[in-house]
Protein backbone atom coordinates (compact mmCIF):
# COMPACT_ATOMS: atom_id res chain seq x y z
CA UNK A 1 0.24 0.05 -0.09
CA UNK A 2 1.48 3.38 -0.91
CA UNK A 3 1.64 6.19 1.15
CA UNK A 4 1.84 10.36 0.56
CA UNK A 5 5.49 9.64 1.70
CA UNK A 6 7.66 6.80 3.45
CA UNK A 7 9.47 6.76 6.84
CA UNK A 8 12.27 4.18 6.53
CA UNK A 9 10.48 2.73 3.87
CA UNK A 10 7.20 2.94 5.63
CA UNK A 11 4.28 4.42 3.95
CA UNK A 12 2.59 6.99 5.72
CA UNK A 13 -0.54 9.35 4.83
CA UNK A 14 -0.77 13.08 5.80
CA UNK A 15 -4.20 12.11 7.12
CA UNK A 16 -3.38 9.76 9.66
CA UNK A 17 -0.27 11.54 10.63
CA UNK A 18 -1.96 15.23 11.50
CA UNK A 19 -5.28 13.02 12.43
CA UNK A 20 -3.31 11.49 15.31
CA UNK A 21 -1.36 14.38 16.37
CA UNK A 22 -4.47 15.98 16.95
CA UNK A 23 -5.87 13.01 18.96
CA UNK A 24 -2.96 13.25 21.24
CA UNK A 25 -3.45 17.09 21.35
CA UNK A 26 -6.75 16.77 22.68
CA UNK A 27 -5.41 14.41 25.44
CA UNK A 28 -3.35 16.95 26.67
CA UNK A 29 -6.01 19.82 26.10
CA UNK A 30 -8.62 18.18 27.92
CA UNK A 31 -6.31 17.72 30.82
CA UNK A 32 -5.87 21.61 30.79
CA UNK A 33 -9.96 21.93 30.21
CA UNK A 34 -8.92 23.89 27.39
CA UNK A 35 -11.99 25.23 24.95
CA UNK A 36 -9.53 24.13 22.08
CA UNK A 37 -10.39 20.32 23.16
CA UNK A 38 -13.34 20.22 21.05
CA UNK A 39 -12.18 21.98 17.76
CA UNK A 40 -8.95 19.98 17.45
CA UNK A 41 -10.53 16.61 18.41
CA UNK A 42 -13.38 17.30 15.52
CA UNK A 43 -10.03 18.21 13.11
CA UNK A 44 -8.80 14.97 14.46
CA UNK A 45 -11.82 12.77 13.41
CA UNK A 46 -12.31 14.14 10.16
CA UNK A 47 -8.77 13.53 8.96
CA UNK A 48 -8.36 9.92 10.47
CA UNK A 49 -12.02 9.45 8.72
CA UNK A 50 -10.64 9.69 5.85
CA UNK A 51 -7.49 7.81 6.62
CA UNK A 52 -9.79 5.10 7.17
CA UNK A 53 -11.51 5.40 4.66
CA UNK A 54 -8.84 4.83 2.04
CA UNK A 55 -7.32 2.31 3.81
CA UNK A 56 -11.24 0.26 4.04
CA UNK A 57 -11.72 -0.08 7.67
CA UNK A 58 -14.97 1.08 7.51
CA UNK A 59 -15.27 0.57 11.49
CA UNK A 60 -12.54 2.81 12.32
CA UNK A 61 -13.93 5.04 10.31
CA UNK A 62 -17.10 4.92 11.45
CA UNK A 63 -15.58 5.45 14.99
CA UNK A 64 -14.97 8.62 13.99
CA UNK A 65 -18.07 9.69 12.25
CA UNK A 66 -18.38 9.04 16.20
CA UNK A 67 -15.87 10.67 17.54
CA UNK A 68 -16.76 14.04 15.74
CA UNK A 69 -20.59 13.76 17.31
CA UNK A 70 -18.82 13.85 20.62
CA UNK A 71 -16.66 16.51 20.05
CA UNK A 72 -19.69 18.84 18.63
CA UNK A 73 -21.75 17.80 21.65
CA UNK A 74 -18.73 18.90 24.06
CA UNK A 75 -18.25 21.58 22.49
CA UNK A 76 -21.73 22.61 22.69
CA UNK A 77 -22.12 21.60 26.54
CA UNK A 78 -18.47 23.79 27.57
CA UNK A 79 -19.59 26.91 25.66
CA UNK A 80 -23.12 27.20 27.23
CA UNK A 81 -21.04 26.54 30.73
CA UNK A 82 -22.71 23.07 31.41
CA UNK A 83 -19.52 21.39 32.95
CA UNK A 84 -19.72 19.75 36.05
CA UNK A 85 -17.32 21.54 38.27
CA UNK A 86 -17.76 19.37 40.94
CA UNK A 87 -16.25 16.59 39.71
CA UNK A 88 -17.15 13.47 38.11
CA UNK A 89 -18.91 10.58 40.52
CA UNK A 90 -17.42 7.51 38.79
CA UNK A 91 -18.69 3.98 39.71
CA UNK A 92 -18.19 0.27 38.87
CA UNK A 93 -21.16 -1.45 36.62
CA UNK A 94 -23.71 -3.55 38.03
CA UNK A 95 -23.88 -7.06 37.50
CA UNK A 96 -27.16 -6.10 34.53
CA UNK A 97 -25.06 -3.31 33.20
CA UNK A 98 -22.09 -5.39 32.74
CA UNK A 99 -23.98 -8.23 30.90
CA UNK A 100 -26.02 -5.78 28.75
CA UNK A 101 -22.55 -3.95 27.87
CA UNK A 102 -20.74 -7.31 27.11
CA UNK A 103 -24.19 -8.96 25.50
CA UNK A 104 -24.30 -5.69 23.06
CA UNK A 105 -20.83 -5.99 22.06
CA UNK A 106 -20.67 -9.62 21.32
CA UNK A 107 -24.31 -9.58 19.40
CA UNK A 108 -23.76 -5.82 17.48
CA UNK A 109 -20.23 -7.26 16.20
CA UNK A 110 -21.80 -9.99 14.77
CA UNK A 111 -24.74 -7.48 13.39
CA UNK A 112 -22.63 -5.46 12.10
CA UNK A 113 -19.90 -8.09 10.71
CA UNK A 114 -22.48 -9.46 8.65
CA UNK A 115 -23.69 -6.47 7.49
CA UNK A 116 -20.30 -5.63 6.03
CA UNK A 117 -19.67 -8.83 4.45
CA UNK A 118 -23.26 -8.49 2.76
CA UNK A 119 -22.36 -5.24 1.65
CA UNK A 120 -18.55 -6.34 0.13
CA UNK A 121 -20.49 -9.08 -1.58
CA UNK A 122 -22.92 -6.81 -3.38
CA UNK A 123 -19.55 -5.51 -4.80
CA UNK A 124 -19.32 -1.78 -2.75
CA UNK A 125 -15.95 -3.23 -0.94
CA UNK A 126 -16.80 -1.58 2.32
CA UNK A 127 -14.00 -3.59 3.92
CA UNK A 128 -11.11 -5.86 3.60
CA UNK A 129 -11.76 -7.15 7.19
CA UNK A 130 -15.31 -6.81 8.27
CA UNK A 131 -15.15 -8.77 11.52
CA UNK A 132 -12.44 -6.42 12.80
CA UNK A 133 -14.40 -4.09 11.76
CA UNK A 134 -17.21 -4.56 13.17
CA UNK A 135 -15.53 -5.36 16.39
CA UNK A 136 -13.98 -1.67 16.61
CA UNK A 137 -16.98 0.11 16.00
CA UNK A 138 -19.46 -1.97 17.80
CA UNK A 139 -16.70 -1.80 20.94
CA UNK A 140 -16.03 2.11 20.57
CA UNK A 141 -19.78 3.00 20.66
CA UNK A 142 -20.09 0.41 23.84
CA UNK A 143 -17.37 2.11 25.84
CA UNK A 144 -18.67 6.01 24.50
CA UNK A 145 -22.00 4.84 26.06
CA UNK A 146 -20.43 3.55 29.15
CA UNK A 147 -18.25 6.39 29.67
CA UNK A 148 -21.21 8.65 29.34
CA UNK A 149 -23.05 6.55 32.49
CA UNK A 150 -19.74 7.40 34.18
CA UNK A 151 -19.03 3.57 34.56
CA UNK A 152 -15.42 2.14 35.37
CA UNK A 153 -15.87 -0.09 33.37
CA UNK A 154 -15.42 1.52 29.90
CA UNK A 155 -11.93 1.98 29.95
CA UNK A 156 -11.40 -2.47 30.19
CA UNK A 157 -13.80 -2.13 26.85
CA UNK A 158 -10.98 0.67 25.31
CA UNK A 159 -8.89 -1.99 26.16
CA UNK A 160 -10.07 -5.32 24.13
CA UNK A 161 -10.62 -2.85 21.42
CA UNK A 162 -7.18 -1.42 21.55
CA UNK A 163 -6.13 -5.17 21.52
CA UNK A 164 -7.61 -5.72 17.83
CA UNK A 165 -7.35 -1.66 16.69
CA UNK A 166 -3.52 -1.76 16.57
CA UNK A 167 -2.43 -4.93 14.50
CA UNK A 168 -5.48 -3.87 12.14
CA UNK A 169 -3.88 -0.58 11.68
CA UNK A 170 -0.59 -1.62 11.56
CA UNK A 171 -2.22 -4.67 8.58
CA UNK A 172 -3.69 -1.79 6.74
CA UNK A 173 -0.79 0.55 6.60
CA UNK A 174 -1.86 3.35 9.01
CA UNK A 175 1.75 2.78 11.03
CA UNK A 176 0.78 6.42 12.82
CA UNK A 177 -2.49 5.22 13.96
CA UNK A 178 -1.06 1.99 14.95
CA UNK A 179 1.43 3.71 17.04
CA UNK A 180 -1.24 6.32 18.58
CA UNK A 181 -3.27 3.36 19.69
CA UNK A 182 -0.44 1.79 21.55
CA UNK A 183 0.15 5.06 23.31
CA UNK A 184 -3.70 4.95 23.95
CA UNK A 185 -3.66 1.62 25.41
CA UNK A 186 -1.31 2.58 27.85
CA UNK A 187 -3.16 5.72 28.78
CA UNK A 188 -6.25 3.56 28.96
CA UNK A 189 -4.73 1.53 31.94
CA UNK A 190 -3.91 4.82 33.62
CA UNK A 191 -6.89 6.08 33.41
CA UNK A 192 -8.40 3.35 34.50
CA UNK A 193 -6.28 2.81 37.55
CA UNK A 194 -7.32 6.87 38.21
CA UNK A 195 -10.75 6.58 38.27
CA UNK A 196 -10.74 3.31 40.22
CA UNK A 197 -8.88 5.21 42.88
CA UNK A 198 -11.27 8.06 42.54
CA UNK A 199 -14.18 5.90 43.10
CA UNK A 200 -12.76 4.15 46.54
CA UNK A 201 -11.56 7.65 47.64
CA UNK A 202 -15.26 8.83 47.56
CA UNK A 203 -16.91 5.50 48.74
CA UNK A 204 -14.25 5.98 51.93
CA UNK A 205 -15.12 9.22 52.09
CA UNK A 206 -18.91 8.85 52.32
CA UNK A 207 -18.48 5.99 55.04
CA UNK A 208 -19.36 7.49 58.71
CA UNK A 209 -16.61 7.78 60.96
């Protein structure tokens, strides 16, 4: 697969490179609670959408659509001054919630993979890897939903998504995306530890002396 330029003989796309730089910048800006978090995230999502479509990994492309929509929503919420300054009350998922998340991820992956396979058979060439693509898309959607409900479990869902997303990106020729996903995997593990610590601290503080 040819790219816009090569680095040590490896093809690299500008959309993949700049899009992932924007994605990493988004993390830094979010830590600083800067309003620039959202336009940078939206820009990164658009560029990575283009890169994913060109590489025919539809699941990742659809994931970028999801991230783009979340960027618009977050931008609106922060502009209106509705951010919760009191902090996010995080918690583990209940048995029912966890079962629902896992069930939705499994069933959704099957349905979307079959859809991608059918579209491929129609000559649309939606994806060269329907099952991994479907898994990434559905897993990202489930993780985002769980994150919106402040469930600590969403971090582990991202770990499961990245375990497939990293090798798929490299196989698809998106070397930069693969490297960045690997970095995100480390950040996800750190994020899980942070949320778990916050939950335990809040739970301890709530216990009467």
